[in-house]
N, C-alpha and C. Protein backbone atom coordinates (compact mmCIF):
# COMPACT_ATOMS: atom_id res chain seq x y z
N UNK A 1 0.79 -1.06 0.04
CA UNK A 1 -0.06 -0.07 0.10
C UNK A 1 0.97 1.29 -0.28
N UNK A 2 0.53 2.17 -0.84
CA UNK A 2 1.26 3.43 -0.93
C UNK A 2 0.58 4.32 -0.19
N UNK A 3 0.93 5.23 0.69
CA UNK A 3 0.49 6.27 1.21
C UNK A 3 1.38 7.40 1.71
N UNK A 4 0.91 8.71 2.06
CA UNK A 4 1.74 9.84 2.47
C UNK A 4 1.58 9.79 3.94
N UNK A 5 2.88 10.06 4.67
CA UNK A 5 2.97 9.95 6.11
C UNK A 5 3.77 11.01 6.61
N UNK A 6 3.33 11.85 7.41
CA UNK A 6 3.94 12.94 8.07
C UNK A 6 4.54 12.73 9.23
N UNK A 7 5.78 12.68 9.33
CA UNK A 7 6.61 12.16 10.48
C UNK A 7 7.27 13.31 11.19
N UNK A 8 7.06 13.33 12.54
CA UNK A 8 7.71 14.59 13.33
C UNK A 8 9.37 14.61 13.21
N UNK A 9 9.81 15.62 13.14
CA UNK A 9 11.22 15.62 12.98
C UNK A 9 12.14 14.78 13.87
N UNK A 10 11.80 14.68 15.45
CA UNK A 10 12.51 13.87 16.13
C UNK A 10 12.29 12.44 15.80
N UNK A 11 11.33 11.77 15.31
CA UNK A 11 11.09 10.70 14.87
C UNK A 11 11.83 10.28 13.67
N UNK A 12 11.53 11.19 12.62
CA UNK A 12 12.43 11.27 11.29
C UNK A 12 14.01 10.95 11.83
N UNK A 13 14.53 11.84 12.59
CA UNK A 13 16.02 11.91 12.85
C UNK A 13 16.30 10.39 13.52
N UNK A 14 15.44 9.87 14.39
CA UNK A 14 15.85 8.57 14.91
C UNK A 14 15.48 7.54 13.71
N UNK A 15 14.80 7.80 13.25
CA UNK A 15 14.67 6.63 11.92
C UNK A 15 15.58 6.51 11.04
N UNK A 16 16.33 7.94 10.81
CA UNK A 16 17.62 8.17 9.87
C UNK A 16 18.70 7.66 10.64
N UNK A 17 18.76 7.56 11.89
CA UNK A 17 19.97 7.16 12.58
C UNK A 17 19.72 5.38 12.49
N UNK A 18 18.70 5.04 12.72
CA UNK A 18 18.36 3.53 12.72
C UNK A 18 18.97 2.99 11.29
N UNK A 19 18.64 3.78 10.11
CA UNK A 19 19.08 3.30 8.69
C UNK A 19 20.43 3.32 8.53
N UNK A 20 21.09 4.37 9.37
CA UNK A 20 22.66 4.12 9.04
C UNK A 20 23.38 2.94 9.50
N UNK A 21 22.76 2.45 10.68
CA UNK A 21 23.38 1.41 11.51
C UNK A 21 22.94 0.10 10.54
N UNK A 22 21.94 0.12 10.08
CA UNK A 22 21.30 -1.28 9.30
C UNK A 22 21.36 -1.05 7.73
N UNK A 23 21.46 -2.12 7.20
CA UNK A 23 21.67 -2.44 5.56
C UNK A 23 20.27 -2.45 5.07
N UNK A 24 19.42 -1.70 5.54
CA UNK A 24 18.06 -1.80 5.01
C UNK A 24 17.55 -0.27 4.53
N UNK A 25 16.47 -0.37 3.83
CA UNK A 25 15.72 0.97 3.23
C UNK A 25 15.21 1.54 4.34
N UNK A 26 14.90 2.74 4.08
CA UNK A 26 13.81 3.58 4.91
C UNK A 26 12.67 2.96 5.22
N UNK A 27 11.98 2.60 4.05
CA UNK A 27 10.66 1.79 4.24
C UNK A 27 10.86 0.73 5.08
N UNK A 28 11.93 -0.34 4.91
CA UNK A 28 11.91 -1.29 5.88
C UNK A 28 11.97 -0.88 7.23
N UNK A 29 12.66 0.21 7.55
CA UNK A 29 12.95 0.44 8.76
C UNK A 29 11.74 1.33 9.48
N UNK A 30 10.90 1.80 8.81
CA UNK A 30 9.69 2.41 9.27
C UNK A 30 8.90 1.26 9.28
N UNK A 31 8.51 0.10 8.61
CA UNK A 31 7.64 -0.83 8.85
C UNK A 31 8.18 -1.76 10.06
N UNK A 32 9.34 -1.86 10.16
CA UNK A 32 9.81 -2.91 11.28
C UNK A 32 9.47 -1.88 12.66
N UNK A 33 9.94 -0.70 12.63
CA UNK A 33 9.61 -0.04 13.72
C UNK A 33 7.96 0.17 14.16
N UNK A 34 7.19 0.34 13.14
CA UNK A 34 5.87 0.34 13.48
C UNK A 34 5.47 -1.02 13.96
N UNK A 35 5.97 -2.14 13.27
CA UNK A 35 5.58 -3.42 13.77
C UNK A 35 5.74 -3.76 15.24
N UNK A 36 6.95 -3.35 15.40
CA UNK A 36 7.40 -3.55 16.90
C UNK A 36 6.47 -2.69 18.03
N UNK A 37 6.12 -1.64 17.52
CA UNK A 37 5.19 -0.76 18.40
C UNK A 37 3.91 -1.28 18.31
N UNK A 38 3.41 -1.90 17.22
CA UNK A 38 1.91 -2.26 17.17
C UNK A 38 1.60 -3.61 17.87
N UNK A 39 2.54 -4.44 17.61
CA UNK A 39 2.47 -6.00 17.62
C UNK A 39 3.14 -6.50 19.04
N UNK A 40 4.07 -5.93 19.31
CA UNK A 40 5.07 -6.46 20.87
C UNK A 40 4.07 -6.20 21.85
N UNK A 41 4.00 -7.28 22.66
CA UNK A 41 3.30 -7.07 24.07
C UNK A 41 4.01 -6.21 24.96
N UNK A 42 3.33 -5.22 25.58
CA UNK A 42 4.02 -4.63 26.35
C UNK A 42 3.56 -5.20 27.73
N UNK A 43 4.69 -5.64 28.57
CA UNK A 43 4.43 -5.90 29.98
C UNK A 43 4.42 -4.95 30.87
N UNK A 44 3.54 -4.85 31.86
CA UNK A 44 3.41 -4.12 32.75
C UNK A 44 4.69 -4.07 33.69
N UNK A 45 5.03 -2.95 34.18
CA UNK A 45 6.09 -3.23 35.26
C UNK A 45 5.76 -3.70 36.81
N UNK A 46 6.50 -4.63 37.27
CA UNK A 46 6.00 -5.08 38.41
C UNK A 46 6.28 -4.05 39.73
N UNK A 47 5.43 -3.79 40.41
CA UNK A 47 5.21 -2.72 41.43
C UNK A 47 4.85 -3.52 42.79
N UNK A 48 5.46 -2.86 43.86
CA UNK A 48 5.00 -3.36 45.14
C UNK A 48 3.71 -2.89 45.33
N UNK A 49 2.89 -3.73 46.13
CA UNK A 49 1.29 -3.28 46.30
C UNK A 49 1.35 -2.06 47.13
N UNK A 50 0.40 -1.19 46.89
CA UNK A 50 0.38 0.24 47.69
C UNK A 50 -0.28 -0.15 49.10
N UNK A 51 0.35 0.29 49.96
CA UNK A 51 -0.20 0.00 51.45
C UNK A 51 -0.04 1.46 52.18
N UNK A 52 -1.12 1.60 52.84
CA UNK A 52 -1.41 2.70 53.75
C UNK A 52 -1.08 2.25 55.13
N UNK A 53 -0.26 2.85 55.75
CA UNK A 53 -0.13 2.68 57.14
C UNK A 53 -0.85 3.53 58.19
N UNK A 54 -1.55 3.04 59.13
CA UNK A 54 -2.27 3.88 59.94
C UNK A 54 -1.59 4.64 60.92
N UNK A 55 -2.05 5.80 61.18
CA UNK A 55 -1.28 6.44 62.24
C UNK A 55 -2.13 7.09 63.28
N UNK A 56 -1.87 7.05 64.76
CA UNK A 56 -2.75 7.49 65.68
C UNK A 56 -2.73 9.03 65.42
N UNK A 57 -3.77 9.57 65.57
CA UNK A 57 -3.95 11.22 64.96
C UNK A 57 -4.32 11.91 66.58
N UNK A 58 -4.15 11.30 67.74
CA UNK A 58 -4.43 11.83 68.55
C UNK A 58 -5.94 11.97 69.13
N UNK A 59 -5.96 12.40 70.27
CA UNK A 59 -7.58 12.71 70.59
C UNK A 59 -8.19 13.80 70.03
N UNK A 60 -9.39 13.53 69.85
CA UNK A 60 -10.28 14.78 69.22
C UNK A 60 -10.89 15.71 70.28
N UNK A 61 -11.09 16.84 70.24
CA UNK A 61 -11.93 17.50 71.16
C UNK A 61 -13.40 16.76 71.14
N UNK A 62 -13.51 16.91 72.44
CA UNK A 62 -15.05 16.29 72.89
C UNK A 62 -15.89 17.20 71.96
N UNK A 63 -17.16 16.27 71.56
CA UNK A 63 -17.96 16.95 71.04
C UNK A 63 -17.62 17.30 69.31
N UNK A 64 -16.44 17.35 69.03
CA UNK A 64 -15.94 17.70 67.78
C UNK A 64 -16.02 16.40 66.73
N UNK A 65 -16.74 16.61 65.67
CA UNK A 65 -16.92 15.55 64.69
C UNK A 65 -16.03 15.61 63.38
N UNK A 66 -15.06 15.00 63.30
CA UNK A 66 -14.23 15.08 61.97
C UNK A 66 -14.88 14.79 60.58
N UNK A 67 -16.12 14.19 60.72
CA UNK A 67 -16.94 13.99 59.46
C UNK A 67 -17.44 15.27 58.98
N UNK A 68 -17.69 16.25 59.77
CA UNK A 68 -18.39 17.56 59.33
C UNK A 68 -17.36 18.51 58.99
N UNK A 69 -17.26 18.78 57.44
CA UNK A 69 -16.13 19.64 57.03
C UNK A 69 -16.49 20.93 57.65
N UNK A 70 -17.75 21.40 57.89
CA UNK A 70 -17.88 22.54 58.24
C UNK A 70 -17.44 23.10 59.59
N UNK A 71 -17.49 22.14 60.65
CA UNK A 71 -16.78 22.40 62.11
C UNK A 71 -15.38 22.17 61.73
N UNK A 72 -14.74 21.32 60.96
CA UNK A 72 -13.26 21.28 60.72
C UNK A 72 -12.87 22.78 60.32
N UNK A 73 -13.42 23.19 59.30
CA UNK A 73 -13.17 24.77 58.89
C UNK A 73 -13.39 25.67 59.73
N UNK A 74 -14.24 25.58 60.58
CA UNK A 74 -14.37 26.43 61.86
C UNK A 74 -13.33 26.30 62.68
N UNK A 75 -12.90 25.22 63.30
CA UNK A 75 -11.75 25.06 63.82
C UNK A 75 -10.63 25.61 63.55
N UNK A 76 -10.39 25.48 62.25
CA UNK A 76 -9.14 25.88 61.65
C UNK A 76 -9.21 27.57 61.56
N UNK A 77 -10.26 28.00 61.44
CA UNK A 77 -10.46 29.66 61.56
C UNK A 77 -10.22 30.07 62.79
N UNK A 78 -10.57 29.32 63.94
CA UNK A 78 -10.49 29.75 65.31
C UNK A 78 -8.81 29.61 65.76
N UNK A 79 -8.20 28.77 65.12
CA UNK A 79 -6.95 28.43 65.35
C UNK A 79 -6.03 29.37 64.83
N UNK A 80 -6.36 30.02 63.80
CA UNK A 80 -5.64 30.81 62.72
C UNK A 80 -5.93 32.10 63.38
N UNK A 81 -7.04 32.36 64.15
CA UNK A 81 -7.07 33.76 64.80
C UNK A 81 -6.29 33.86 66.22
N UNK A 82 -5.66 32.93 66.53
CA UNK A 82 -5.11 32.96 67.89
C UNK A 82 -3.48 33.65 67.60
């Protein structure tokens, strides 16, 4: 199949560099590179499972509920005024 393809400068440069080291045509280099990108399986990196470590936040004021954001904001305003 014949088609026109616009290639970014950095990609064209890298393909040209690959062509210099291989005894292949530019067309062959482009096709091989596209095949590698399209058909090779990408294996995800192995990562450690994410783990959250709980910390004791200390005692909360009596009658103070951290689940109510407005009361948390009121406390912050009160502490900021001191």
